[in-house]
Amino acid sequence: MHMTIRRFIAYIFDLFVVLFLAGTLSMTPLNPNYDDIVDLQTEYQTKHEEVTKKMEELSEDDAKKEFEDFYVYYKSTLKEVSKLNVYDDVITVSMFLLYFVVFVYFFEGETVGKRLLRVKIVDKNDKRASLWKLFLRAFVLYEIPFTIYNLVASYVLGNDAFAVSYSIMYIVSNVLMIAIAISIKASKDRRGLHDLIAGTKVVERK
């Protein structure tokens, strides 16, 4: 199996493992806001369906007014959910760092997925990657800065400003993922942008 395909499968596998663990922990007392988040998301979904159905029966001007009112509600809800996600975000970021930094360091460059696909992370000189290099790699690859930014922004920005910044961060994060994919494909040693920044690379495990 081609090295790039093996890396991708390992990436998806490890991502699933971490998100599953983080999601499970987020439904425990570690996240006291869980029920409030579910209630707010359910309320939003119900209102969205009601507004969508209602707009189909209104005139163009009335439908526009209905949409504008709903958009105000959307921005308020988006910010409120982001604020309530504080415990979930802390749990998720902690799990990513524990798994992709601490776990990888002590298991000499391997995650469970990489172990199964027979690849591992080393530094650019083929030596064992340091905790700092693994931290930088995970920080960029798993878009941790965007999670932290959105959490902080939800507490300091108003509804309108937060909605705009959230949309911008969403676009930037997707552009980053595309840039990482392109850089892996384009470079001779298959080092993505995250590897170039961290001074690491993925190699076959002997």
C-alpha atoms as a PDB file:
ATOM      1  CA  MET A   1       0.000   0.000   0.000  1.00  0.00           C
ATOM      2  CA  HIS A   2       1.307   3.459  -0.925  1.00  0.00           C
ATOM      3  CA  MET A   3       2.832   5.443   1.924  1.00  0.00           C
ATOM      4  CA  THR A   4       0.484   8.412   1.454  1.00  0.00           C
ATOM      5  CA  ILE A   5      -2.581   6.168   1.607  1.00  0.00           C
ATOM      6  CA  ARG A   6      -1.290   4.470   4.749  1.00  0.00           C
ATOM      7  CA  ARG A   7      -0.712   7.855   6.379  1.00  0.00           C
ATOM      8  CA  PHE A   8      -4.226   8.971   5.485  1.00  0.00           C
ATOM      9  CA  ILE A   9      -5.839   5.805   6.856  1.00  0.00           C
ATOM     10  CA  ALA A  10      -3.818   6.124  10.070  1.00  0.00           C
ATOM     11  CA  TYR A  11      -4.842   9.795  10.336  1.00  0.00           C
ATOM     12  CA  ILE A  12      -8.553   8.984   9.966  1.00  0.00           C
ATOM     13  CA  PHE A  13      -8.328   6.075  12.402  1.00  0.00           C
ATOM     14  CA  ASP A  14      -6.553   8.121  15.083  1.00  0.00           C
ATOM     15  CA  LEU A  15      -8.897  11.066  14.579  1.00  0.00           C
ATOM     16  CA  PHE A  16     -11.878   8.780  15.106  1.00  0.00           C
ATOM     17  CA  VAL A  17     -10.341   7.309  18.276  1.00  0.00           C
ATOM     18  CA  VAL A  18      -9.627  10.704  19.838  1.00  0.00           C
ATOM     19  CA  LEU A  19     -12.964  12.259  18.884  1.00  0.00           C
ATOM     20  CA  PHE A  20     -14.803   9.194  20.187  1.00  0.00           C
ATOM     21  CA  LEU A  21     -12.986   9.377  23.525  1.00  0.00           C
ATOM     22  CA  ALA A  22     -13.426  13.149  23.785  1.00  0.00           C
ATOM     23  CA  GLY A  23     -17.107  12.886  22.846  1.00  0.00           C
ATOM     24  CA  THR A  24     -17.677  10.175  25.429  1.00  0.00           C
ATOM     25  CA  LEU A  25     -15.977  12.182  28.164  1.00  0.00           C
ATOM     26  CA  SER A  26     -18.000  15.244  27.180  1.00  0.00           C
ATOM     27  CA  MET A  27     -21.180  13.366  28.109  1.00  0.00           C
ATOM     28  CA  THR A  28     -19.951  12.778  31.671  1.00  0.00           C
ATOM     29  CA  PRO A  29     -19.934  15.106  34.722  1.00  0.00           C
ATOM     30  CA  LEU A  30     -16.643  16.481  33.342  1.00  0.00           C
ATOM     31  CA  ASN A  31     -18.889  18.615  31.123  1.00  0.00           C
ATOM     32  CA  PRO A  32     -21.622  20.149  33.334  1.00  0.00           C
ATOM     33  CA  ASN A  33     -22.923  22.142  30.342  1.00  0.00           C
ATOM     34  CA  TYR A  34     -23.779  19.073  28.259  1.00  0.00           C
ATOM     35  CA  ASP A  35     -27.549  19.118  28.878  1.00  0.00           C
ATOM     36  CA  ASP A  36     -27.751  22.881  28.263  1.00  0.00           C
ATOM     37  CA  ILE A  37     -25.931  22.473  24.942  1.00  0.00           C
ATOM     38  CA  VAL A  38     -28.260  19.688  23.829  1.00  0.00           C
ATOM     39  CA  ASP A  39     -31.329  21.732  24.813  1.00  0.00           C
ATOM     40  CA  LEU A  40     -30.067  24.820  22.967  1.00  0.00           C
ATOM     41  CA  GLN A  41     -29.182  22.851  19.829  1.00  0.00           C
ATOM     42  CA  THR A  42     -32.579  21.141  19.879  1.00  0.00           C
ATOM     43  CA  GLU A  43     -34.307  24.500  20.255  1.00  0.00           C
ATOM     44  CA  TYR A  44     -32.289  25.920  17.346  1.00  0.00           C
ATOM     45  CA  GLN A  45     -33.088  22.956  15.096  1.00  0.00           C
ATOM     46  CA  THR A  46     -36.801  23.214  15.885  1.00  0.00           C
ATOM     47  CA  LYS A  47     -36.859  26.955  15.232  1.00  0.00           C
ATOM     48  CA  HIS A  48     -34.895  26.530  11.999  1.00  0.00           C
ATOM     49  CA  GLU A  49     -37.416  24.003  10.699  1.00  0.00           C
ATOM     50  CA  GLU A  50     -40.342  26.217  11.704  1.00  0.00           C
ATOM     51  CA  VAL A  51     -38.867  29.306  10.043  1.00  0.00           C
ATOM     52  CA  THR A  52     -37.975  27.407   6.854  1.00  0.00           C
ATOM     53  CA  LYS A  53     -41.521  26.100   6.554  1.00  0.00           C
ATOM     54  CA  LYS A  54     -43.029  29.492   7.371  1.00  0.00           C
ATOM     55  CA  MET A  55     -40.913  31.345   4.787  1.00  0.00           C
ATOM     56  CA  GLU A  56     -42.292  29.148   2.018  1.00  0.00           C
ATOM     57  CA  GLU A  57     -45.748  30.585   2.687  1.00  0.00           C
ATOM     58  CA  LEU A  58     -44.750  34.257   2.993  1.00  0.00           C
ATOM     59  CA  SER A  59     -44.324  36.987   0.413  1.00  0.00           C
ATOM     60  CA  GLU A  60     -40.783  37.934  -0.609  1.00  0.00           C
ATOM     61  CA  ASP A  61     -40.642  40.981   1.710  1.00  0.00           C
ATOM     62  CA  ASP A  62     -42.128  39.122   4.673  1.00  0.00           C
ATOM     63  CA  ALA A  63     -39.817  36.168   4.071  1.00  0.00           C
ATOM     64  CA  LYS A  64     -36.818  38.521   4.028  1.00  0.00           C
ATOM     65  CA  LYS A  65     -37.909  40.019   7.364  1.00  0.00           C
ATOM     66  CA  GLU A  66     -38.407  36.554   8.834  1.00  0.00           C
ATOM     67  CA  PHE A  67     -34.912  35.547   7.693  1.00  0.00           C
ATOM     68  CA  GLU A  68     -33.347  38.677   9.196  1.00  0.00           C
ATOM     69  CA  ASP A  69     -35.023  37.976  12.545  1.00  0.00           C
ATOM     70  CA  PHE A  70     -33.865  34.374  12.455  1.00  0.00           C
ATOM     71  CA  TYR A  71     -30.306  35.435  11.582  1.00  0.00           C
ATOM     72  CA  VAL A  72     -30.205  37.589  14.725  1.00  0.00           C
ATOM     73  CA  TYR A  73     -31.318  34.538  16.708  1.00  0.00           C
ATOM     74  CA  TYR A  74     -28.722  32.385  14.904  1.00  0.00           C
ATOM     75  CA  LYS A  75     -25.842  34.697  15.838  1.00  0.00           C
ATOM     76  CA  SER A  76     -26.944  34.800  19.464  1.00  0.00           C
ATOM     77  CA  THR A  77     -27.275  31.003  19.607  1.00  0.00           C
ATOM     78  CA  LEU A  78     -23.941  30.431  17.874  1.00  0.00           C
ATOM     79  CA  LYS A  79     -22.147  32.524  20.470  1.00  0.00           C
ATOM     80  CA  GLU A  80     -24.027  30.960  23.388  1.00  0.00           C
ATOM     81  CA  VAL A  81     -23.245  27.419  22.238  1.00  0.00           C
ATOM     82  CA  SER A  82     -19.578  28.336  21.789  1.00  0.00           C
ATOM     83  CA  LYS A  83     -19.477  29.686  25.353  1.00  0.00           C
ATOM     84  CA  LEU A  84     -21.184  26.589  26.731  1.00  0.00           C
ATOM     85  CA  ASN A  85     -18.646  24.436  24.864  1.00  0.00           C
ATOM     86  CA  VAL A  86     -15.852  25.563  27.185  1.00  0.00           C
ATOM     87  CA  TYR A  87     -15.635  22.216  29.003  1.00  0.00           C
ATOM     88  CA  ASP A  88     -16.040  20.235  25.790  1.00  0.00           C
ATOM     89  CA  ASP A  89     -13.254  22.260  24.142  1.00  0.00           C
ATOM     90  CA  VAL A  90     -10.927  21.769  27.119  1.00  0.00           C
ATOM     91  CA  ILE A  91     -11.601  18.024  27.092  1.00  0.00           C
ATOM     92  CA  THR A  92     -11.105  17.759  23.326  1.00  0.00           C
ATOM     93  CA  VAL A  93      -7.870  19.783  23.221  1.00  0.00           C
ATOM     94  CA  SER A  94      -6.535  17.836  26.221  1.00  0.00           C
ATOM     95  CA  MET A  95      -7.286  14.513  24.511  1.00  0.00           C
ATOM     96  CA  PHE A  96      -5.576  15.645  21.301  1.00  0.00           C
ATOM     97  CA  LEU A  97      -2.465  16.730  23.175  1.00  0.00           C
ATOM     98  CA  LEU A  98      -2.336  13.606  25.337  1.00  0.00           C
ATOM     99  CA  TYR A  99      -2.768  11.284  22.366  1.00  0.00           C
ATOM    100  CA  PHE A 100      -0.813  13.042  19.613  1.00  0.00           C
ATOM    101  CA  VAL A 101       1.954  14.483  21.791  1.00  0.00           C
ATOM    102  CA  VAL A 102       2.458  12.607  25.060  1.00  0.00           C
ATOM    103  CA  PHE A 103       1.358   9.177  23.806  1.00  0.00           C
ATOM    104  CA  VAL A 104       3.350   9.524  20.574  1.00  0.00           C
ATOM    105  CA  TYR A 105       6.463  10.661  22.434  1.00  0.00           C
ATOM    106  CA  PHE A 106       6.510   7.726  24.846  1.00  0.00           C
ATOM    107  CA  PHE A 107       5.686   5.235  22.089  1.00  0.00           C
ATOM    108  CA  GLU A 108       8.539   6.557  19.939  1.00  0.00           C
ATOM    109  CA  GLY A 109       6.581   8.304  17.211  1.00  0.00           C
ATOM    110  CA  GLU A 110       3.640   5.956  16.948  1.00  0.00           C
ATOM    111  CA  THR A 111      -0.092   6.263  17.500  1.00  0.00           C
ATOM    112  CA  VAL A 112      -2.374   3.238  17.428  1.00  0.00           C
ATOM    113  CA  GLY A 113      -3.236   4.006  13.806  1.00  0.00           C
ATOM    114  CA  LYS A 114       0.370   4.497  12.770  1.00  0.00           C
ATOM    115  CA  ARG A 115       1.329   1.293  14.557  1.00  0.00           C
ATOM    116  CA  LEU A 116      -1.280  -0.640  12.586  1.00  0.00           C
ATOM    117  CA  LEU A 117      -0.216   0.949   9.281  1.00  0.00           C
ATOM    118  CA  ARG A 118       3.513   0.577  10.074  1.00  0.00           C
ATOM    119  CA  VAL A 119       4.494   4.255   9.954  1.00  0.00           C
ATOM    120  CA  LYS A 120       5.873   6.603  12.597  1.00  0.00           C
ATOM    121  CA  ILE A 121       6.808  10.220  13.255  1.00  0.00           C
ATOM    122  CA  VAL A 122      10.468  11.250  13.527  1.00  0.00           C
ATOM    123  CA  ASP A 123      12.269  14.568  13.308  1.00  0.00           C
ATOM    124  CA  LYS A 124      13.706  15.740   9.993  1.00  0.00           C
ATOM    125  CA  ASN A 125      17.032  14.084  10.845  1.00  0.00           C
ATOM    126  CA  ASP A 126      15.359  10.704  11.426  1.00  0.00           C
ATOM    127  CA  LYS A 127      15.839  11.014  15.181  1.00  0.00           C
ATOM    128  CA  ARG A 128      13.161  10.679  17.847  1.00  0.00           C
ATOM    129  CA  ALA A 129      10.896  13.735  17.735  1.00  0.00           C
ATOM    130  CA  SER A 130      10.905  15.861  20.882  1.00  0.00           C
ATOM    131  CA  LEU A 131       7.786  16.742  22.858  1.00  0.00           C
ATOM    132  CA  TRP A 132       8.026  20.306  21.556  1.00  0.00           C
ATOM    133  CA  LYS A 133       8.161  19.204  17.907  1.00  0.00           C
ATOM    134  CA  LEU A 134       5.233  16.837  18.432  1.00  0.00           C
ATOM    135  CA  PHE A 135       3.303  19.636  20.134  1.00  0.00           C
ATOM    136  CA  LEU A 136       3.883  22.017  17.205  1.00  0.00           C
ATOM    137  CA  ARG A 137       2.890  19.305  14.739  1.00  0.00           C
ATOM    138  CA  ALA A 138      -0.360  18.506  16.544  1.00  0.00           C
ATOM    139  CA  PHE A 139      -1.101  22.190  17.178  1.00  0.00           C
ATOM    140  CA  VAL A 140      -1.091  22.909  13.437  1.00  0.00           C
ATOM    141  CA  LEU A 141      -2.455  19.636  12.011  1.00  0.00           C
ATOM    142  CA  TYR A 142      -5.442  19.380  14.338  1.00  0.00           C
ATOM    143  CA  GLU A 143      -6.276  23.094  14.168  1.00  0.00           C
ATOM    144  CA  ILE A 144      -6.092  23.626  17.918  1.00  0.00           C
ATOM    145  CA  PRO A 145      -5.529  27.411  17.528  1.00  0.00           C
ATOM    146  CA  PHE A 146      -8.963  27.769  15.913  1.00  0.00           C
ATOM    147  CA  THR A 147     -10.671  25.944  18.777  1.00  0.00           C
ATOM    148  CA  ILE A 148      -8.941  28.168  21.319  1.00  0.00           C
ATOM    149  CA  TYR A 149      -9.654  31.327  19.324  1.00  0.00           C
ATOM    150  CA  ASN A 150     -13.375  30.604  18.940  1.00  0.00           C
ATOM    151  CA  LEU A 151     -13.688  29.853  22.640  1.00  0.00           C
ATOM    152  CA  VAL A 152     -11.971  33.090  23.696  1.00  0.00           C
ATOM    153  CA  ALA A 153     -13.795  35.132  21.038  1.00  0.00           C
ATOM    154  CA  SER A 154     -17.179  33.912  22.287  1.00  0.00           C
ATOM    155  CA  TYR A 155     -16.469  35.600  25.624  1.00  0.00           C
ATOM    156  CA  VAL A 156     -15.026  38.886  24.364  1.00  0.00           C
ATOM    157  CA  LEU A 157     -16.864  39.665  21.099  1.00  0.00           C
ATOM    158  CA  GLY A 158     -20.442  40.725  20.500  1.00  0.00           C
ATOM    159  CA  ASN A 159     -22.868  38.521  18.575  1.00  0.00           C
ATOM    160  CA  ASP A 160     -22.267  40.162  15.182  1.00  0.00           C
ATOM    161  CA  ALA A 161     -18.474  40.279  15.481  1.00  0.00           C
ATOM    162  CA  PHE A 162     -18.307  36.713  16.745  1.00  0.00           C
ATOM    163  CA  ALA A 163     -20.445  35.385  13.879  1.00  0.00           C
ATOM    164  CA  VAL A 164     -18.154  37.097  11.352  1.00  0.00           C
ATOM    165  CA  SER A 165     -14.950  35.906  13.035  1.00  0.00           C
ATOM    166  CA  TYR A 166     -16.360  32.371  13.345  1.00  0.00           C
ATOM    167  CA  SER A 167     -17.059  32.277   9.607  1.00  0.00           C
ATOM    168  CA  ILE A 168     -13.583  33.605   8.825  1.00  0.00           C
ATOM    169  CA  MET A 169     -11.917  31.036  11.081  1.00  0.00           C
ATOM    170  CA  TYR A 170     -13.964  28.284   9.440  1.00  0.00           C
ATOM    171  CA  ILE A 171     -12.719  29.335   5.998  1.00  0.00           C
ATOM    172  CA  VAL A 172      -9.114  29.736   7.178  1.00  0.00           C
ATOM    173  CA  SER A 173      -9.125  26.313   8.851  1.00  0.00           C
ATOM    174  CA  ASN A 174     -10.363  24.671   5.649  1.00  0.00           C
ATOM    175  CA  VAL A 175      -7.742  26.500   3.586  1.00  0.00           C
ATOM    176  CA  LEU A 176      -5.095  25.264   6.035  1.00  0.00           C
ATOM    177  CA  MET A 177      -6.229  21.656   5.617  1.00  0.00           C
ATOM    178  CA  ILE A 178      -6.098  22.009   1.837  1.00  0.00           C
ATOM    179  CA  ALA A 179      -2.611  23.541   2.079  1.00  0.00           C
ATOM    180  CA  ILE A 180      -1.465  20.627   4.241  1.00  0.00           C
ATOM    181  CA  ALA A 181      -2.845  18.079   1.775  1.00  0.00           C
ATOM    182  CA  ILE A 182      -1.220  19.847  -1.190  1.00  0.00           C
ATOM    183  CA  SER A 183       2.135  20.174   0.571  1.00  0.00           C
ATOM    184  CA  ILE A 184       2.171  16.457   1.417  1.00  0.00           C
ATOM    185  CA  LYS A 185       1.470  15.582  -2.202  1.00  0.00           C
ATOM    186  CA  ALA A 186       3.941  18.112  -3.631  1.00  0.00           C
ATOM    187  CA  SER A 187       6.987  17.532  -1.429  1.00  0.00           C
ATOM    188  CA  LYS A 188       9.457  14.782  -2.301  1.00  0.00           C
ATOM    189  CA  ASP A 189       9.633  13.435   1.240  1.00  0.00           C
ATOM    190  CA  ARG A 190       5.858  13.870   1.766  1.00  0.00           C
ATOM    191  CA  ARG A 191       6.310  16.451   4.521  1.00  0.00           C
ATOM    192  CA  GLY A 192       3.164  18.487   5.001  1.00  0.00           C
ATOM    193  CA  LEU A 193       3.013  22.078   6.158  1.00  0.00           C
ATOM    194  CA  HIS A 194       2.605  20.873   9.760  1.00  0.00           C
ATOM    195  CA  ASP A 195       5.778  18.754   9.414  1.00  0.00           C
ATOM    196  CA  LEU A 196       7.728  21.634   7.885  1.00  0.00           C
ATOM    197  CA  ILE A 197       6.747  23.914  10.772  1.00  0.00           C
ATOM    198  CA  ALA A 198       7.487  21.303  13.434  1.00  0.00           C
ATOM    199  CA  GLY A 199      10.639  19.883  11.846  1.00  0.00           C
ATOM    200  CA  THR A 200       9.181  16.380  11.630  1.00  0.00           C
ATOM    201  CA  LYS A 201       8.284  13.787   9.025  1.00  0.00           C
ATOM    202  CA  VAL A 202       6.470  10.463   8.723  1.00  0.00           C
ATOM    203  CA  VAL A 203       8.507   7.429   7.730  1.00  0.00           C
ATOM    204  CA  GLU A 204       7.941   3.706   7.379  1.00  0.00           C
ATOM    205  CA  ARG A 205       8.424   1.684  10.548  1.00  0.00           C
ATOM    206  CA  LYS A 206      10.924  -1.126  10.070  1.00  0.00           C
END
